[in-house]
Amino acid sequence: MSATADPIVDLGPDAWRDARRSGQLEWLCTNGLGGYACGTVGGLLQRRWHGLLVAATEPPAGRTLLVPKIELFVRVDGTEWPLTANEWSGGGIDAPALGHLVRFHMAGSGVVRHWRLGGALLEERIAIDRKSTRLNSSHLV
């Protein structure tokens, strides 16, 4: 993912006033081989095809979900912050960090989330290499 690419989509907290709304805002990154990563701004898995790494095992239609999600926890100055979002079968949503998500944008072939956690700003990047099946994910403070 190019760090200098202009954002295709650039959203702030007004776009997702609550967890349910954040789950309606979807993103998609593809690798050009039939594989992809797909999810929602808030991290909720709303559809059966959402996942961080879906490989095209038998193109064009055969796909296998290899990595559905990663539960992230970050420690800043001794405080642990869960950067998770889950919707339970009864309809309840647990998205403890959504109030700390300050920006979501897509640039190049990836997704970037910015989290304000105490005095730190965390940048989370998710991208799929073009013409590869490798998932790139980085978390930088």
C-alpha atoms as a PDB file:
ATOM      1  CA  MET A   1       0.000   0.000   0.000  1.00  0.00           C
ATOM      2  CA  SER A   2       1.418   3.338  -0.970  1.00  0.00           C
ATOM      3  CA  ALA A   3       1.768   5.757   1.937  1.00  0.00           C
ATOM      4  CA  THR A   4       1.432   8.705  -0.462  1.00  0.00           C
ATOM      5  CA  ALA A   5      -1.722   7.562  -2.271  1.00  0.00           C
ATOM      6  CA  ASP A   6      -4.684   9.914  -1.987  1.00  0.00           C
ATOM      7  CA  PRO A   7      -7.497   8.340   0.034  1.00  0.00           C
ATOM      8  CA  ILE A   8     -10.296   6.788  -2.010  1.00  0.00           C
ATOM      9  CA  VAL A   9     -12.570   6.926   1.033  1.00  0.00           C
ATOM     10  CA  ASP A  10     -11.863   9.105   4.074  1.00  0.00           C
ATOM     11  CA  LEU A  11     -14.296   8.957   7.011  1.00  0.00           C
ATOM     12  CA  GLY A  12     -14.425  10.417  10.488  1.00  0.00           C
ATOM     13  CA  PRO A  13     -16.544   9.530  13.526  1.00  0.00           C
ATOM     14  CA  ASP A  14     -19.597  11.361  12.163  1.00  0.00           C
ATOM     15  CA  ALA A  15     -19.915   8.600   9.540  1.00  0.00           C
ATOM     16  CA  TRP A  16     -20.453   5.901  12.201  1.00  0.00           C
ATOM     17  CA  ARG A  17     -22.523   7.426  14.990  1.00  0.00           C
ATOM     18  CA  ASP A  18     -22.812   3.994  16.655  1.00  0.00           C
ATOM     19  CA  ALA A  19     -21.593   0.403  16.349  1.00  0.00           C
ATOM     20  CA  ARG A  20     -24.536  -0.744  14.223  1.00  0.00           C
ATOM     21  CA  ARG A  21     -23.890   2.045  11.691  1.00  0.00           C
ATOM     22  CA  SER A  22     -20.159   1.230  11.606  1.00  0.00           C
ATOM     23  CA  GLY A  23     -21.130  -2.329  10.693  1.00  0.00           C
ATOM     24  CA  GLN A  24     -23.044  -1.079   7.647  1.00  0.00           C
ATOM     25  CA  LEU A  25     -19.981   0.666   6.186  1.00  0.00           C
ATOM     26  CA  GLU A  26     -18.077  -2.045   4.321  1.00  0.00           C
ATOM     27  CA  TRP A  27     -14.640  -2.151   2.699  1.00  0.00           C
ATOM     28  CA  LEU A  28     -13.000  -4.526   0.218  1.00  0.00           C
ATOM     29  CA  CYS A  29      -9.347  -5.099  -0.774  1.00  0.00           C
ATOM     30  CA  THR A  30      -8.533  -7.575  -3.555  1.00  0.00           C
ATOM     31  CA  ASN A  31      -5.322  -9.225  -4.728  1.00  0.00           C
ATOM     32  CA  GLY A  32      -6.172  -9.534  -8.442  1.00  0.00           C
ATOM     33  CA  LEU A  33      -6.166 -13.340  -8.203  1.00  0.00           C
ATOM     34  CA  GLY A  34      -9.674 -13.777  -6.794  1.00  0.00           C
ATOM     35  CA  GLY A  35      -8.634 -13.467  -3.140  1.00  0.00           C
ATOM     36  CA  TYR A  36      -9.636 -10.614  -0.896  1.00  0.00           C
ATOM     37  CA  ALA A  37     -10.025  -9.053   2.525  1.00  0.00           C
ATOM     38  CA  CYS A  38     -13.410  -7.582   3.356  1.00  0.00           C
ATOM     39  CA  GLY A  39     -14.986  -6.161   6.483  1.00  0.00           C
ATOM     40  CA  THR A  40     -16.645  -3.170   8.098  1.00  0.00           C
ATOM     41  CA  VAL A  41     -15.329   0.132   9.415  1.00  0.00           C
ATOM     42  CA  GLY A  42     -16.037  -0.871  13.012  1.00  0.00           C
ATOM     43  CA  GLY A  43     -14.681  -4.409  12.641  1.00  0.00           C
ATOM     44  CA  LEU A  44     -17.988  -6.266  12.926  1.00  0.00           C
ATOM     45  CA  LEU A  45     -18.317  -9.390  10.805  1.00  0.00           C
ATOM     46  CA  GLN A  46     -21.738  -8.740   9.314  1.00  0.00           C
ATOM     47  CA  ARG A  47     -21.712 -11.174   6.388  1.00  0.00           C
ATOM     48  CA  ARG A  48     -20.493 -14.703   5.880  1.00  0.00           C
ATOM     49  CA  TRP A  49     -17.951 -13.518   3.297  1.00  0.00           C
ATOM     50  CA  HIS A  50     -16.268 -10.999   5.631  1.00  0.00           C
ATOM     51  CA  GLY A  51     -12.698 -11.918   6.549  1.00  0.00           C
ATOM     52  CA  LEU A  52      -9.115 -10.668   6.613  1.00  0.00           C
ATOM     53  CA  LEU A  53      -7.840 -13.339   4.230  1.00  0.00           C
ATOM     54  CA  VAL A  54     -10.081 -15.153   1.771  1.00  0.00           C
ATOM     55  CA  ALA A  55      -8.047 -17.150  -0.743  1.00  0.00           C
ATOM     56  CA  ALA A  56      -9.192 -18.115  -4.223  1.00  0.00           C
ATOM     57  CA  THR A  57      -8.446 -21.833  -3.941  1.00  0.00           C
ATOM     58  CA  GLU A  58     -10.241 -22.792  -7.161  1.00  0.00           C
ATOM     59  CA  PRO A  59     -10.730 -19.605  -9.233  1.00  0.00           C
ATOM     60  CA  PRO A  60     -12.993 -18.102 -10.246  1.00  0.00           C
ATOM     61  CA  ALA A  61     -15.612 -19.264  -7.726  1.00  0.00           C
ATOM     62  CA  GLY A  62     -13.862 -21.476  -5.138  1.00  0.00           C
ATOM     63  CA  ARG A  63     -12.789 -19.457  -2.119  1.00  0.00           C
ATOM     64  CA  THR A  64     -11.648 -20.434   1.370  1.00  0.00           C
ATOM     65  CA  LEU A  65     -11.839 -18.188   4.426  1.00  0.00           C
ATOM     66  CA  LEU A  66      -8.401 -18.526   6.042  1.00  0.00           C
ATOM     67  CA  VAL A  67      -8.406 -15.643   8.567  1.00  0.00           C
ATOM     68  CA  PRO A  68     -11.851 -14.416   9.639  1.00  0.00           C
ATOM     69  CA  LYS A  69     -10.597 -11.780  12.094  1.00  0.00           C
ATOM     70  CA  ILE A  70      -7.944 -10.903  14.632  1.00  0.00           C
ATOM     71  CA  GLU A  71      -8.865  -9.735  18.126  1.00  0.00           C
ATOM     72  CA  LEU A  72      -6.519  -6.826  18.855  1.00  0.00           C
ATOM     73  CA  PHE A  73      -5.547  -5.614  22.298  1.00  0.00           C
ATOM     74  CA  VAL A  74      -3.128  -2.721  22.772  1.00  0.00           C
ATOM     75  CA  ARG A  75      -1.373  -1.620  25.954  1.00  0.00           C
ATOM     76  CA  VAL A  76      -0.634   2.110  26.286  1.00  0.00           C
ATOM     77  CA  ASP A  77       0.949   3.439  29.482  1.00  0.00           C
ATOM     78  CA  GLY A  78      -0.249   0.397  31.437  1.00  0.00           C
ATOM     79  CA  THR A  79      -3.846   0.542  30.183  1.00  0.00           C
ATOM     80  CA  GLU A  80      -5.094  -2.241  27.912  1.00  0.00           C
ATOM     81  CA  TRP A  81      -7.417  -1.200  25.100  1.00  0.00           C
ATOM     82  CA  PRO A  82      -9.478  -3.846  23.264  1.00  0.00           C
ATOM     83  CA  LEU A  83      -9.760  -2.897  19.569  1.00  0.00           C
ATOM     84  CA  THR A  84     -12.454  -5.475  18.987  1.00  0.00           C
ATOM     85  CA  ALA A  85     -16.019  -5.535  17.752  1.00  0.00           C
ATOM     86  CA  ASN A  86     -18.412  -8.446  17.964  1.00  0.00           C
ATOM     87  CA  GLU A  87     -22.091  -9.006  17.284  1.00  0.00           C
ATOM     88  CA  TRP A  88     -23.657 -11.848  19.226  1.00  0.00           C
ATOM     89  CA  SER A  89     -26.419 -14.210  18.099  1.00  0.00           C
ATOM     90  CA  GLY A  90     -28.975 -12.410  20.293  1.00  0.00           C
ATOM     91  CA  GLY A  91     -28.314  -9.179  18.375  1.00  0.00           C
ATOM     92  CA  GLY A  92     -26.150  -7.466  20.983  1.00  0.00           C
ATOM     93  CA  ILE A  93     -23.050  -5.624  19.826  1.00  0.00           C
ATOM     94  CA  ASP A  94     -19.867  -5.227  21.839  1.00  0.00           C
ATOM     95  CA  ALA A  95     -17.510  -2.640  20.314  1.00  0.00           C
ATOM     96  CA  PRO A  96     -15.596  -1.145  23.254  1.00  0.00           C
ATOM     97  CA  ALA A  97     -13.038   0.824  21.227  1.00  0.00           C
ATOM     98  CA  LEU A  98     -15.315   2.331  18.606  1.00  0.00           C
ATOM     99  CA  GLY A  99     -15.438   5.610  20.538  1.00  0.00           C
ATOM    100  CA  HIS A 100     -11.652   5.804  20.094  1.00  0.00           C
ATOM    101  CA  LEU A 101     -11.702   5.315  16.312  1.00  0.00           C
ATOM    102  CA  VAL A 102     -10.981   8.779  14.915  1.00  0.00           C
ATOM    103  CA  ARG A 103     -10.425   8.093  11.206  1.00  0.00           C
ATOM    104  CA  PHE A 104     -10.961   5.365   8.633  1.00  0.00           C
ATOM    105  CA  HIS A 105      -9.630   5.641   5.123  1.00  0.00           C
ATOM    106  CA  MET A 106      -8.815   3.558   2.094  1.00  0.00           C
ATOM    107  CA  ALA A 107      -5.787   4.420  -0.011  1.00  0.00           C
ATOM    108  CA  GLY A 108      -4.162   2.338  -2.700  1.00  0.00           C
ATOM    109  CA  SER A 109      -5.062  -1.285  -1.994  1.00  0.00           C
ATOM    110  CA  GLY A 110      -5.514  -1.044   1.752  1.00  0.00           C
ATOM    111  CA  VAL A 111      -7.512   0.068   4.743  1.00  0.00           C
ATOM    112  CA  VAL A 112      -6.175   2.368   7.477  1.00  0.00           C
ATOM    113  CA  ARG A 113      -7.764   2.988  10.877  1.00  0.00           C
ATOM    114  CA  HIS A 114      -6.553   5.638  13.325  1.00  0.00           C
ATOM    115  CA  TRP A 115      -7.285   5.083  17.017  1.00  0.00           C
ATOM    116  CA  ARG A 116      -6.775   7.689  19.787  1.00  0.00           C
ATOM    117  CA  LEU A 117      -5.915   5.712  22.930  1.00  0.00           C
ATOM    118  CA  GLY A 118      -5.101   7.916  25.888  1.00  0.00           C
ATOM    119  CA  GLY A 119      -2.189  10.068  24.752  1.00  0.00           C
ATOM    120  CA  ALA A 120      -1.257   7.792  21.829  1.00  0.00           C
ATOM    121  CA  LEU A 121      -2.380   7.665  18.218  1.00  0.00           C
ATOM    122  CA  LEU A 122      -2.338   4.141  16.770  1.00  0.00           C
ATOM    123  CA  GLU A 123      -2.417   3.504  13.038  1.00  0.00           C
ATOM    124  CA  GLU A 124      -3.712   0.095  11.927  1.00  0.00           C
ATOM    125  CA  ARG A 125      -3.192  -0.959   8.291  1.00  0.00           C
ATOM    126  CA  ILE A 126      -4.702  -3.902   6.448  1.00  0.00           C
ATOM    127  CA  ALA A 127      -3.693  -4.656   2.875  1.00  0.00           C
ATOM    128  CA  ILE A 128      -3.478  -7.582   0.488  1.00  0.00           C
ATOM    129  CA  ASP A 129      -0.477  -7.720  -1.838  1.00  0.00           C
ATOM    130  CA  ARG A 130      -1.476  -7.510  -5.477  1.00  0.00           C
ATOM    131  CA  LYS A 131      -0.850 -10.787  -7.322  1.00  0.00           C
ATOM    132  CA  SER A 132      -0.075 -12.524  -4.017  1.00  0.00           C
ATOM    133  CA  THR A 133      -1.973 -14.379  -1.308  1.00  0.00           C
ATOM    134  CA  ARG A 134      -0.095 -12.645   1.510  1.00  0.00           C
ATOM    135  CA  LEU A 135      -1.921 -10.493   4.066  1.00  0.00           C
ATOM    136  CA  ASN A 136      -0.065  -7.437   5.369  1.00  0.00           C
ATOM    137  CA  SER A 137      -1.165  -5.992   8.680  1.00  0.00           C
ATOM    138  CA  SER A 138       0.781  -3.492  10.731  1.00  0.00           C
ATOM    139  CA  HIS A 139       0.080  -1.613  13.920  1.00  0.00           C
ATOM    140  CA  LEU A 140       2.284   1.394  14.568  1.00  0.00           C
ATOM    141  CA  VAL A 141       2.309   3.820  17.469  1.00  0.00           C
END
